[in-house]
Amino acid sequence: MKNYALHVSEFLKWFNESFDMKFKQLHRKNVLEFKTYLKNIKGNCAKTVNVKLSSLINF
């Protein structure tokens, strides 16, 4: 549960900083952009990216 909350929190922080607006609904485009951010900017490996994205599925 703790990791789930951390992953969702990381997404919400990224979303707010990237779009300067309050999050309302999860869209495929945003998930793909977040995935790119995790891989290219944060340097997360594929396994870590998949774990973080799977947390968003339940969000």
Protein backbone atom coordinates (compact mmCIF):
# COMPACT_ATOMS: atom_id res chain seq x y z
CA MET A 1 0.00 0.00 0.00
CA LYS A 2 2.82 2.39 0.83
CA ASN A 3 4.49 1.92 -2.56
CA TYR A 4 1.16 2.37 -4.33
CA ALA A 5 0.64 5.69 -2.56
CA LEU A 6 4.19 6.80 -3.40
CA HIS A 7 3.79 5.93 -7.08
CA VAL A 8 0.46 7.74 -7.40
CA SER A 9 1.90 10.71 -5.53
CA GLU A 10 4.86 10.81 -7.92
CA PHE A 11 2.49 10.81 -10.90
CA LEU A 12 0.36 13.60 -9.43
CA LYS A 13 3.44 15.71 -8.69
CA TRP A 14 4.74 15.18 -12.24
CA PHE A 15 1.31 16.00 -13.69
CA ASN A 16 0.92 19.23 -11.71
CA GLU A 17 4.43 20.39 -12.57
CA SER A 18 4.11 19.44 -16.24
CA PHE A 19 0.69 20.87 -16.97
CA ASP A 20 0.23 23.49 -14.24
CA MET A 21 -3.31 22.31 -13.62
CA LYS A 22 -5.15 20.13 -11.13
CA PHE A 23 -5.50 16.46 -12.03
CA LYS A 24 -9.05 15.38 -12.87
CA GLN A 25 -8.91 12.19 -14.90
CA LEU A 26 -6.31 9.70 -16.08
CA HIS A 27 -5.80 9.71 -19.85
CA ARG A 28 -3.72 7.36 -21.98
CA LYS A 29 -1.70 10.27 -23.38
CA ASN A 30 -0.69 11.38 -19.88
CA VAL A 31 0.34 7.84 -18.91
CA LEU A 32 2.52 7.57 -22.02
CA GLU A 33 4.13 10.94 -21.30
CA PHE A 34 4.74 9.89 -17.68
CA LYS A 35 6.31 6.66 -18.94
CA THR A 36 8.68 8.65 -21.16
CA TYR A 37 9.54 10.91 -18.21
CA LEU A 38 10.32 7.93 -15.97
CA LYS A 39 12.56 6.31 -18.58
CA ASN A 40 14.35 9.32 -20.07
CA ILE A 41 14.46 11.94 -17.32
CA LYS A 42 14.44 9.83 -14.15
CA GLY A 43 16.43 6.96 -15.71
CA ASN A 44 14.19 4.26 -14.26
CA CYS A 45 14.67 0.74 -15.61
CA ALA A 46 11.82 -1.00 -17.43
CA LYS A 47 10.82 -3.06 -14.39
CA THR A 48 10.52 0.04 -12.19
CA VAL A 49 8.54 1.88 -14.86
CA ASN A 50 6.13 -1.05 -15.16
CA VAL A 51 5.59 -1.22 -11.39
CA LYS A 52 4.84 2.51 -11.24
CA LEU A 53 2.48 2.35 -14.22
CA SER A 54 0.65 -0.64 -12.79
CA SER A 55 -0.10 1.44 -9.70
CA LEU A 56 -1.88 3.95 -11.94
CA ILE A 57 -4.15 1.24 -13.35
CA ASN A 58 -5.75 0.88 -9.92
CA PHE A 59 -5.91 4.63 -9.39
